[in-house]
Amino acid sequence: MKILFDKKILKNIRTKIVVISLAIFIWFFVETSNNYKYSFKIPLVINNLTTEAIIINEVPEYVRITVWGKGSDILSMILTKKFQYNLDLTNIHESTSFNLSTKNVRLPRASNLEILNIVKPDSIHIQIEKRITKKIPVLPNVVIETYAGYTLVDDIKLEPDSVTAIGALSLLDTIISLKTEPMSLKNVKRDIKKTVNLQVPKSDKVQLLRKEVLLLADIQKLIEVSFSGIPVTVINTPDNVDLSVIPSSLSLTLIGGVDKLLPIKPEDILAYIDYNKVIASDNEFHLAYIDKPDGVRIEDVEPKRFKIIFKKSR
C-alpha cells in the first residue's frame, strides 16, 4: 500500500510543480498590487560637515520611517536598499538639535511610495567640537632583561618618538602621552630593532596617523675599567680663600657596555666638592661629587670622604 501511495504522489510531479508555482505567482501578484502601510529602518547619512569640526556624541545609525504604497514598490525598495535619511550640516559650526522631517528622506526617483511619518527618533542632537592636530609623545612599555654579562646601554629609543593625532579638542587635551603595547624580552645579548604597535586610544573620535613605531635598544657586552689619580677639586671657592683637599685624588671603577666604556679617559671624569656645602656642614670630612659620561655606572670609589684644609686668606 505504501509503495502504491508513493507512486500516486510522484505521478505527474512536473505538472503539479508548475501548477503550484503558478498559484504562488498569482497570489504574489495580487498581494503586491495592494497598498500597504509599512514601517522600517533606513540609514542616517550626515552630509557637509566642515573638515574643521568633529561630532563627539553618539548619533543613531538608522531612522525608522513609515511609508504607504503598493507592495511591489515596497518590496523593490527593500531589495535595492536605495534609500537614506540625509542630515545636512552645511554652515553648522556648533552643537545643534534637529527635528527630523520626512522631506529629508531620499527614496529612489522611480518610487511611488508616500512617506507618512518619522517613527523614531523625532529629533537628533549633534554635539560638535573643533577638530585639531596634536603631536603626542610615545613612551616605551617594554621590559628588557639582558643575558648574563650583557647590559642595556642608554635608554630605549623609539623612532619616531611622537605621533600625530587628529580629533576633538576636549579629547586630545586629556592625552599627555601614548604607550607601546606591553612587551617583555628576556636573555637579550644583541641590539634590538623591532617594530612595535601603539596602544590606540579607545575613542573613535581620535585618529592616529600612524599606529606603530620602531623600537631601538643598544645591547653591549658588560665590562669594567678602573681609573686612579682622578683629581678632586673644590668648586664655588671665593677668590680670597686658599684651601687644599686631602687626599687630593681618588680611584674608582666604571662598569658599562664595551663600546661605551673603552673610549673613556681619566680626564672625562670630574670629582669635586662644593665649597658652599662645606661651609654649611659641621663635618670634618666631606663627600665628593663625581661627574661621569652617560651610560656607565660607578663602583668602588676610594677614598669616599675628604678633608678640607684652609690656608691663610689672601
Protein backbone atom coordinates (compact mmCIF):
# COMPACT_ATOMS: atom_id res chain seq x y z
CA MET A 1 0.00 0.00 0.00
CA LYS A 2 2.82 2.36 0.89
CA ILE A 3 4.52 1.78 -2.48
CA LEU A 4 1.29 2.45 -4.37
CA PHE A 5 0.68 5.64 -2.35
CA ASP A 6 4.17 6.98 -3.11
CA LYS A 7 3.71 6.28 -6.81
CA LYS A 8 0.45 8.24 -6.86
CA ILE A 9 2.18 11.24 -5.29
CA LEU A 10 5.06 11.13 -7.76
CA LYS A 11 2.75 10.76 -10.76
CA ASN A 12 2.69 13.92 -12.92
CA ILE A 13 5.10 15.67 -10.49
CA ARG A 14 6.20 18.23 -13.08
CA THR A 15 2.67 19.28 -13.81
CA LYS A 16 1.96 19.70 -10.12
CA ILE A 17 5.07 21.85 -9.59
CA VAL A 18 4.04 24.13 -12.46
CA VAL A 19 0.51 24.47 -11.08
CA ILE A 20 1.75 25.27 -7.55
CA SER A 21 4.31 27.78 -8.87
CA LEU A 22 1.63 29.49 -10.96
CA ALA A 23 -0.67 29.68 -7.95
CA ILE A 24 2.08 31.24 -5.84
CA PHE A 25 2.85 33.77 -8.61
CA ILE A 26 -0.81 34.77 -8.94
CA TRP A 27 -1.10 35.14 -5.16
CA PHE A 28 2.10 37.17 -5.02
CA PHE A 29 0.96 39.41 -7.90
CA VAL A 30 -2.37 40.09 -6.26
CA GLU A 31 -0.82 40.76 -2.87
CA THR A 32 1.89 43.08 -4.17
CA SER A 33 -0.68 45.00 -6.19
CA ASN A 34 -2.42 46.02 -2.99
CA ASN A 35 -1.46 49.08 -0.95
CA TYR A 36 0.18 48.68 2.43
CA LYS A 37 1.49 50.77 5.30
CA TYR A 38 4.96 49.58 6.22
CA SER A 39 7.49 50.70 8.84
CA PHE A 40 11.22 50.02 8.52
CA LYS A 41 14.70 51.43 9.24
CA ILE A 42 16.75 53.50 6.78
CA PRO A 43 20.40 54.61 7.16
CA LEU A 44 21.13 58.06 8.60
CA VAL A 45 23.74 59.83 6.45
CA ILE A 46 25.48 63.03 7.63
CA ASN A 47 26.45 65.40 4.83
CA ASN A 48 28.57 68.56 4.52
CA LEU A 49 30.27 68.54 7.92
CA THR A 50 33.16 71.01 7.74
CA THR A 51 36.64 69.48 7.94
CA GLU A 52 37.40 71.77 10.91
CA ALA A 53 34.69 70.16 13.05
CA ILE A 54 34.04 66.73 14.50
CA ILE A 55 30.93 65.12 16.04
CA ILE A 56 31.77 63.82 19.52
CA ASN A 57 28.45 62.36 20.67
CA GLU A 58 26.82 59.12 19.59
CA VAL A 59 24.42 59.63 16.68
CA PRO A 60 21.84 57.00 15.64
CA GLU A 61 22.84 54.93 12.61
CA TYR A 62 19.24 54.50 11.46
CA VAL A 63 15.93 56.34 11.32
CA ARG A 64 12.65 54.40 11.37
CA ILE A 65 10.03 55.68 8.91
CA THR A 66 6.53 54.64 7.79
CA VAL A 67 5.56 54.56 4.10
CA TRP A 68 2.39 53.89 2.11
CA GLY A 69 2.26 52.30 -1.30
CA LYS A 70 1.99 49.17 -3.41
CA GLY A 71 3.52 46.02 -2.05
CA SER A 72 5.64 45.67 -5.19
CA ASP A 73 7.16 49.14 -4.67
CA ILE A 74 7.85 48.43 -1.02
CA LEU A 75 9.47 45.10 -1.86
CA SER A 76 11.59 46.69 -4.61
CA MET A 77 12.84 49.40 -2.25
CA ILE A 78 13.76 46.85 0.45
CA LEU A 79 15.67 44.71 -2.04
CA THR A 80 17.57 47.57 -3.71
CA LYS A 81 18.27 49.44 -0.42
CA LYS A 82 18.44 52.75 -2.30
CA PHE A 83 17.09 54.92 0.49
CA GLN A 84 18.50 57.04 3.32
CA TYR A 85 17.85 59.97 5.62
CA ASN A 86 20.10 62.94 4.77
CA LEU A 87 21.14 65.18 7.65
CA ASP A 88 22.71 68.30 6.13
CA LEU A 89 25.24 70.12 8.35
CA THR A 90 26.11 72.92 5.94
CA ASN A 91 27.22 76.04 7.87
CA ILE A 92 26.80 74.22 11.20
CA HIS A 93 29.79 75.04 13.49
CA GLU A 94 28.37 74.41 16.96
CA SER A 95 26.25 71.88 18.82
CA THR A 96 22.71 71.81 17.41
CA SER A 97 19.47 69.83 17.71
CA PHE A 98 17.47 68.85 14.61
CA ASN A 99 13.79 67.92 14.33
CA LEU A 100 13.60 65.14 11.75
CA SER A 101 11.45 65.80 8.70
CA THR A 102 10.08 63.49 6.00
CA LYS A 103 11.40 65.88 3.34
CA ASN A 104 14.95 64.71 4.12
CA VAL A 105 14.14 61.08 3.32
CA ARG A 106 15.69 60.10 -0.02
CA LEU A 107 14.00 57.26 -1.95
CA PRO A 108 14.68 56.02 -5.49
CA ARG A 109 13.42 58.50 -8.11
CA ALA A 110 11.05 55.97 -9.66
CA SER A 111 9.48 55.13 -6.32
CA ASN A 112 5.74 55.84 -5.95
CA LEU A 113 5.81 55.42 -2.19
CA GLU A 114 4.36 58.06 0.10
CA ILE A 115 6.37 58.83 3.26
CA LEU A 116 3.84 59.10 6.08
CA ASN A 117 5.99 60.00 9.07
CA ILE A 118 9.22 59.60 11.03
CA VAL A 119 8.64 57.00 13.73
CA LYS A 120 11.85 57.50 15.73
CA PRO A 121 13.86 59.34 16.67
CA ASP A 122 11.85 62.51 16.25
CA SER A 123 14.94 64.66 16.88
CA ILE A 124 18.73 64.30 16.92
CA HIS A 125 21.29 66.28 18.91
CA ILE A 126 24.65 66.86 17.20
CA GLN A 127 27.49 67.84 19.56
CA ILE A 128 30.25 69.48 17.55
CA GLU A 129 33.78 70.38 18.61
CA LYS A 130 36.80 71.81 16.88
CA ARG A 131 38.97 69.20 15.15
CA ILE A 132 42.66 69.71 15.97
CA THR A 133 46.02 68.11 15.16
CA LYS A 134 48.43 67.33 18.01
CA LYS A 135 51.87 65.75 18.37
CA ILE A 136 51.78 63.20 21.20
CA PRO A 137 54.97 61.74 22.77
CA VAL A 138 55.30 57.95 22.70
CA LEU A 139 56.75 56.06 25.69
CA PRO A 140 58.14 52.50 25.57
CA ASN A 141 56.18 49.93 27.56
CA VAL A 142 58.95 47.34 27.25
CA VAL A 143 60.90 45.28 29.79
CA ILE A 144 64.34 44.10 28.60
CA GLU A 145 66.30 41.52 30.58
CA THR A 146 69.80 41.03 29.17
CA TYR A 147 71.76 37.81 29.09
CA ALA A 148 74.33 37.40 31.88
CA GLY A 149 77.39 39.53 31.11
CA TYR A 150 75.49 41.96 28.86
CA THR A 151 73.81 45.30 29.56
CA LEU A 152 71.38 47.80 28.07
CA VAL A 153 73.28 50.97 27.20
CA ASP A 154 71.38 54.25 27.50
CA ASP A 155 67.60 54.42 27.35
CA ILE A 156 65.32 52.55 24.97
CA LYS A 157 64.70 54.71 21.91
CA LEU A 158 61.62 54.99 19.70
CA GLU A 159 61.56 56.25 16.13
CA PRO A 160 59.63 58.41 15.84
CA ASP A 161 59.35 59.43 19.48
CA SER A 162 55.97 61.10 18.87
CA VAL A 163 52.99 60.60 16.58
CA THR A 164 50.39 62.92 15.10
CA ALA A 165 46.79 62.57 16.26
CA ILE A 166 43.67 64.19 14.84
CA GLY A 167 40.49 64.52 16.85
CA ALA A 168 38.24 66.52 19.13
CA LEU A 169 39.91 69.27 21.15
CA SER A 170 38.50 68.11 24.51
CA LEU A 171 39.67 64.53 23.95
CA LEU A 172 43.19 65.32 22.72
CA ASP A 173 43.73 67.71 25.64
CA THR A 174 43.44 64.73 28.00
CA ILE A 175 46.06 62.63 26.17
CA ILE A 176 49.51 63.54 27.53
CA SER A 177 51.37 60.58 26.02
CA LEU A 178 50.87 57.22 24.36
CA LYS A 179 52.50 53.89 25.17
CA THR A 180 53.60 50.99 23.05
CA GLU A 181 51.84 47.70 23.58
CA PRO A 182 53.34 45.76 26.53
CA MET A 183 56.35 43.63 25.65
CA SER A 184 58.84 41.57 27.67
CA LEU A 185 62.17 40.43 26.18
CA LYS A 186 64.48 38.06 28.07
CA ASN A 187 68.07 36.80 27.70
CA VAL A 188 68.88 39.52 25.19
CA LYS A 189 72.50 39.86 24.02
CA ARG A 190 72.08 41.60 20.67
CA ASP A 191 70.89 45.04 19.68
CA ILE A 192 67.12 45.32 19.32
CA LYS A 193 65.48 46.86 16.25
CA LYS A 194 61.83 45.92 16.26
CA THR A 195 58.52 47.40 15.09
CA VAL A 196 56.00 47.70 17.92
CA ASN A 197 52.33 48.67 17.88
CA LEU A 198 50.93 51.56 19.88
CA GLN A 199 48.11 51.36 22.38
CA VAL A 200 45.46 53.15 20.33
CA PRO A 201 43.01 55.47 22.15
CA LYS A 202 39.67 53.75 22.70
CA SER A 203 37.64 56.67 21.40
CA ASP A 204 36.77 56.57 17.69
CA LYS A 205 36.87 60.38 17.82
CA VAL A 206 40.69 60.27 17.90
CA GLN A 207 42.67 59.09 14.88
CA LEU A 208 46.41 58.32 14.87
CA LEU A 209 48.22 58.94 11.59
CA ARG A 210 50.49 56.02 12.44
CA LYS A 211 49.91 53.12 14.82
CA GLU A 212 53.41 51.66 15.13
CA VAL A 213 56.96 52.84 15.85
CA LEU A 214 60.45 51.39 15.65
CA LEU A 215 61.97 50.28 18.97
CA LEU A 216 65.77 50.53 19.30
CA ALA A 217 67.90 49.23 22.18
CA ASP A 218 71.72 49.18 22.37
CA ILE A 219 72.87 45.91 23.99
CA GLN A 220 76.59 45.57 24.74
CA LYS A 221 78.91 43.16 26.48
CA LEU A 222 79.43 44.29 30.09
CA ILE A 223 82.98 45.19 31.18
CA GLU A 224 84.63 47.19 33.98
CA VAL A 225 87.59 49.57 33.88
CA SER A 226 89.45 51.03 36.87
CA PHE A 227 90.78 54.60 36.99
CA SER A 228 93.17 56.10 39.57
CA GLY A 229 94.60 59.54 40.27
CA ILE A 230 91.37 61.40 39.48
CA PRO A 231 91.94 64.95 40.90
CA VAL A 232 89.44 66.20 43.50
CA THR A 233 88.78 69.94 43.22
CA VAL A 234 86.67 72.42 45.18
CA ILE A 235 84.09 74.50 43.28
CA ASN A 236 82.47 77.83 44.24
CA THR A 237 85.55 78.86 46.22
CA PRO A 238 85.73 82.63 46.91
CA ASP A 239 88.70 84.45 45.39
CA ASN A 240 90.14 85.34 48.80
CA VAL A 241 90.08 81.76 50.15
CA ASP A 242 93.00 79.38 49.74
CA LEU A 243 92.47 75.70 50.56
CA SER A 244 93.57 72.20 49.72
CA VAL A 245 91.95 68.74 49.63
CA ILE A 246 93.38 65.76 51.46
CA PRO A 247 93.80 63.33 49.81
CA SER A 248 93.93 65.22 46.52
CA SER A 249 92.70 62.40 44.26
CA LEU A 250 90.52 59.29 44.18
CA SER A 251 90.25 55.97 42.41
CA LEU A 252 87.12 54.31 41.05
CA THR A 253 85.79 51.61 38.76
CA LEU A 254 83.35 52.22 35.92
CA ILE A 255 81.06 49.46 34.68
CA GLY A 256 79.23 49.54 31.34
CA GLY A 257 78.99 48.39 27.77
CA VAL A 258 82.24 47.74 25.95
CA ASP A 259 81.62 50.32 23.20
CA LYS A 260 80.62 52.92 25.76
CA LEU A 261 83.36 52.33 28.30
CA LEU A 262 86.55 51.77 26.31
CA PRO A 263 86.73 55.31 24.82
CA ILE A 264 86.54 56.95 28.30
CA LYS A 265 89.73 58.68 29.50
CA PRO A 266 90.60 59.80 33.07
CA GLU A 267 90.06 63.46 32.08
CA ASP A 268 86.44 62.60 31.17
CA ILE A 269 85.75 62.02 34.87
CA LEU A 270 85.32 65.02 37.19
CA ALA A 271 85.46 64.79 41.00
CA TYR A 272 84.65 67.88 43.08
CA ILE A 273 83.46 69.18 46.46
CA ASP A 274 81.08 72.14 46.75
CA TYR A 275 82.56 74.89 48.95
CA ASN A 276 79.09 76.15 49.96
CA LYS A 277 78.18 72.76 51.39
CA VAL A 278 81.49 72.54 53.24
CA ILE A 279 80.85 75.86 55.00
CA ALA A 280 77.28 74.82 55.88
CA SER A 281 78.41 71.49 57.40
CA ASP A 282 79.92 70.70 60.80
CA ASN A 283 81.56 67.54 59.48
CA GLU A 284 85.32 67.31 59.23
CA PHE A 285 85.24 65.04 56.17
CA HIS A 286 83.17 65.61 53.05
CA LEU A 287 81.83 63.55 50.14
CA ALA A 288 82.99 64.26 46.61
CA TYR A 289 80.58 64.52 43.70
CA ILE A 290 81.57 62.63 40.57
CA ASP A 291 80.53 63.53 37.01
CA LYS A 292 80.94 60.68 34.55
CA PRO A 293 79.96 60.02 30.93
CA ASP A 294 76.41 58.77 30.42
CA GLY A 295 75.68 55.09 30.05
CA VAL A 296 78.09 53.77 32.69
CA ARG A 297 77.87 53.34 36.46
CA ILE A 298 80.36 53.95 39.25
CA GLU A 299 81.64 51.33 41.69
CA ASP A 300 84.42 51.10 44.33
CA VAL A 301 85.22 54.77 44.95
CA GLU A 302 88.26 55.21 47.21
CA PRO A 303 88.55 57.21 49.35
CA LYS A 304 84.92 58.17 49.91
CA ARG A 305 85.45 61.27 52.09
CA PHE A 306 87.95 64.12 52.04
CA LYS A 307 89.28 66.72 54.45
CA ILE A 308 89.43 70.39 53.52
CA ILE A 309 92.45 72.31 54.84
CA PHE A 310 92.04 76.09 54.88
CA LYS A 311 95.15 78.18 54.42
CA LYS A 312 95.60 81.82 55.23
CA SER A 313 93.27 84.13 53.36
CA ARG A 314 94.82 86.09 50.55
